[in-house]
Protein backbone atom coordinates (compact mmCIF):
# COMPACT_ATOMS: atom_id res chain seq x y z
CA GLY A 1 99.69 103.67 69.02
CA LYS A 2 96.20 102.34 69.37
CA ASN A 3 95.06 100.42 72.41
CA PHE A 4 94.15 96.85 71.52
CA ASP A 5 95.12 95.44 74.92
CA PHE A 6 92.33 93.69 76.84
CA PHE A 7 93.93 94.39 80.23
CA SER A 8 93.93 98.19 80.25
CA GLY A 9 93.37 100.13 83.43
CA THR A 10 92.45 103.73 84.05
CA GLN A 11 95.74 105.42 84.91
CA LYS A 12 97.21 108.04 82.63
CA PRO A 13 100.39 107.32 80.70
CA MET A 14 103.68 108.88 81.77
CA LEU A 15 106.47 109.88 79.41
CA LEU A 16 109.71 111.47 80.63
CA ILE A 17 112.37 111.76 77.95
CA GLN A 18 115.69 113.47 78.62
CA GLY A 19 117.72 111.14 76.42
CA GLU A 20 116.84 109.67 73.05
CA ILE A 21 114.04 107.36 71.88
CA VAL A 22 114.15 106.04 68.31
CA PHE A 23 111.30 104.20 66.59
CA HIS A 24 112.29 102.36 63.39
CA GLY A 25 108.69 101.87 62.29
CA PRO A 26 105.21 101.56 63.76
CA CYS A 27 104.88 100.65 67.42
CA ASN A 28 101.73 99.95 69.41
CA ILE A 29 101.76 101.12 73.05
CA ALA A 30 98.74 100.27 75.23
CA HIS A 31 97.37 102.36 78.12
CA ASN A 32 99.01 103.06 81.48
CA TYR A 33 102.53 102.92 80.13
CA CYS A 34 105.45 104.60 81.85
CA ILE A 35 108.53 105.40 79.78
CA ARG A 36 111.51 107.19 81.31
CA ILE A 37 114.67 107.87 79.30
CA SER A 38 117.50 109.46 81.28
CA LYS A 39 119.96 112.01 79.96
CA ASP A 40 122.52 110.40 77.61
CA ALA A 41 120.44 107.18 77.45
CA LYS A 42 118.94 105.63 74.30
CA LEU A 43 115.85 103.48 73.81
CA GLU A 44 115.74 101.94 70.34
CA VAL A 45 112.53 100.22 69.20
CA GLN A 46 112.36 98.35 65.90
CA ALA A 47 109.20 98.12 63.76
CA TYR A 48 105.98 96.41 64.85
CA VAL A 49 106.75 96.20 68.56
CA PHE A 50 103.77 95.94 70.94
CA LEU A 51 103.96 97.14 74.55
CA GLY A 52 101.03 95.87 76.62
CA SER A 53 99.17 97.98 79.16
CA SER A 54 100.94 98.97 82.36
CA THR A 55 104.35 98.29 80.82
CA ARG A 56 107.18 100.28 82.39
CA ILE A 57 110.41 101.13 80.64
CA VAL A 58 113.23 102.81 82.54
CA CYS A 59 116.24 103.44 80.32
CA ILE A 60 119.29 104.78 82.13
CA ARG A 61 121.84 103.57 79.58
CA ASP A 62 120.80 101.54 76.51
CA ILE A 63 117.79 99.37 75.60
CA LYS A 64 117.21 97.78 72.18
CA ILE A 65 113.96 95.98 71.32
CA GLY A 66 113.88 93.84 68.15
CA GLU A 67 111.19 93.98 65.48
CA CYS A 68 107.87 92.23 65.98
CA THR A 69 108.53 91.68 69.70
CA GLN A 70 105.46 91.76 71.92
CA PHE A 71 105.14 92.43 75.64
CA ALA A 72 102.01 91.35 77.53
CA PHE A 73 100.54 93.57 80.24
CA GLY A 74 102.47 94.61 83.34
CA CYS A 75 106.02 94.05 82.08
CA ASN A 76 109.05 95.92 83.43
CA ILE A 77 112.07 96.73 81.26
CA ILE A 78 114.73 98.38 83.41
CA ASP A 79 118.43 98.61 82.58
CA SER A 80 119.62 99.77 86.00
CA ASN A 81 119.34 98.70 89.61
CA PHE A 82 119.66 102.43 90.50
CA HIS A 83 122.21 101.94 93.29
CA PHE A 84 125.88 101.06 93.38
CA LEU A 85 126.80 98.17 95.66
CA TYR A 86 130.14 97.76 97.36
CA ASP A 87 131.43 94.20 97.75
CA LYS A 88 133.41 94.27 100.99
CA ARG A 89 135.26 91.03 100.24
CA SER A 90 136.52 91.96 96.78
CA MET A 91 136.61 95.68 97.61
CA LYS A 92 134.97 96.43 94.26
CA VAL A 93 131.93 98.39 93.22
CA GLY A 94 129.80 96.86 90.47
CA ASN A 95 128.26 98.87 87.66
CA ARG A 96 124.58 99.55 88.39
CA ASP A 97 123.68 100.06 84.68
CA LYS A 98 123.79 97.29 82.06
CA LYS A 99 122.33 97.38 78.57
CA ILE A 100 119.36 95.30 77.43
CA VAL A 101 119.09 93.73 73.97
CA ILE A 102 115.90 91.88 73.06
CA GLY A 103 115.91 89.94 69.79
CA LYS A 104 113.24 90.00 67.11
CA ASN A 105 109.94 88.12 67.32
CA ASN A 106 110.15 87.66 71.10
CA TRP A 107 107.02 87.12 73.18
CA ILE A 108 107.33 88.42 76.75
CA GLY A 109 104.61 87.10 79.08
CA ASN A 110 102.66 89.24 81.52
CA SER A 111 104.42 90.67 84.57
CA ALA A 112 107.84 89.60 83.34
CA SER A 113 110.83 91.71 84.37
CA ILE A 114 113.59 92.33 81.85
CA VAL A 115 116.54 93.90 83.66
CA GLY A 116 120.07 95.10 82.94
CA GLY A 117 122.28 92.45 81.38
CA CYS A 118 119.37 90.73 79.62
CA CYS A 119 120.06 89.72 76.03
CA THR A 120 117.80 87.36 74.11
CA GLY A 121 118.10 85.81 70.71
CA ASP A 122 115.40 85.78 68.06
CA TYR A 123 112.09 83.97 68.58
CA PHE A 124 112.43 83.71 72.36
CA THR A 125 109.44 83.29 74.68
CA VAL A 126 109.60 84.56 78.27
CA ALA A 127 107.08 83.00 80.65
CA SER A 128 104.83 85.14 82.84
CA ASN A 129 106.37 86.51 86.07
CA SER A 130 109.93 85.62 85.01
CA LEU A 131 113.03 87.69 85.78
CA VAL A 132 115.48 87.81 82.88
CA ASN A 133 118.86 89.19 83.95
CA LYS A 134 121.42 87.27 81.88
CA ASP A 135 122.73 87.07 78.33
CA PHE A 136 120.96 84.22 76.54
CA SER A 137 121.82 85.50 73.06
CA LYS A 138 124.73 83.06 72.75
CA SER A 139 122.32 80.11 72.91
CA LEU A 140 122.70 78.00 69.79
CA GLU A 141 118.95 77.47 69.77
CA GLN A 142 116.16 79.68 68.52
CA ASN A 143 112.59 79.28 69.71
CA VAL A 144 113.71 79.04 73.33
CA MET A 145 111.42 79.45 76.34
CA LEU A 146 112.82 81.19 79.42
CA ALA A 147 111.07 80.88 82.78
CA GLY A 148 111.72 81.41 86.47
CA VAL A 149 113.36 83.81 88.90
CA PRO A 150 116.04 84.15 87.71
CA ALA A 151 115.06 82.88 84.27
CA ARG A 152 116.66 79.82 82.73
CA ILE A 153 116.06 77.89 79.53
CA VAL A 154 113.20 75.47 80.20
CA LYS A 155 112.24 74.45 76.67
CA ASN A 156 113.62 74.50 73.13
CA ASP A 157 111.83 74.54 69.78
CA ILE A 158 108.76 76.41 71.04
CA GLN A 159 107.19 79.47 69.47
CA ARG A 160 104.08 81.53 70.11
CA ILE A 161 101.43 81.52 67.39
CA PHE A 162 100.90 85.15 66.40
CA SER A 163 98.11 84.64 63.86
CA LEU A 164 94.75 85.74 65.29
CA ASP A 165 92.96 83.52 62.76
CA LYS A 166 94.99 80.46 63.82
CA GLU A 167 94.45 81.35 67.52
CA SER A 168 90.68 81.46 66.96
CA GLU A 169 90.73 78.17 65.04
CA LEU A 170 92.72 76.46 67.80
CA TYR A 171 90.50 77.90 70.54
CA HIS A 172 87.39 76.46 68.91
CA TYR A 173 89.08 73.11 68.21
CA PHE A 174 90.19 72.66 71.84
CA LYS A 175 86.75 73.70 73.09
CA GLN A 176 85.00 71.19 70.81
CA GLN A 177 87.40 68.40 71.81
CA ASN A 178 86.78 69.02 75.54
CA TYR A 179 90.17 70.73 76.03
CA PRO A 180 92.82 68.08 75.30
CA ASP A 181 96.42 68.90 76.26
CA SER A 182 97.72 69.35 72.71
CA VAL A 183 97.05 68.81 69.02
CA TRP A 184 99.25 68.08 65.98
CA LEU A 185 99.51 70.97 63.50
């Protein structure tokens, strides 16, 4: 991919693939990425995905990223907590590895962590610095915003504007109007 990310650093990328990585079309990966696919694991990336600079992907089991999904800089996508934990009360050991499924047209804000067990529907927005560790794919809503640690649904019927032309138009409008809170489209 080409680097169009404004937040690139100077570190070199790292790629360690022992398992399988499948791209179903073009993908743009910015600088400083770290991608690790373990033996018998599979990372599946649909077309037109963007991974911002300093994004880390650790795939121990199974990660699927839907088409046209974009990750801002500094995101973590990790499907394992790397250690088994023993619950002394229930006398059970939980599975350390859980798959991740990210729907299409998601926008993942900077420094968000997407961890094992995360499933999103289509057109989801994840706020910056959020931790998504649950299955939200059963939500009856699209255009959902997730935020917090751990993430929860904070808003419905919201969607990022992906058009650079529309972004520029809105930027200039808000600047000329002395930065009001919102505008009708």
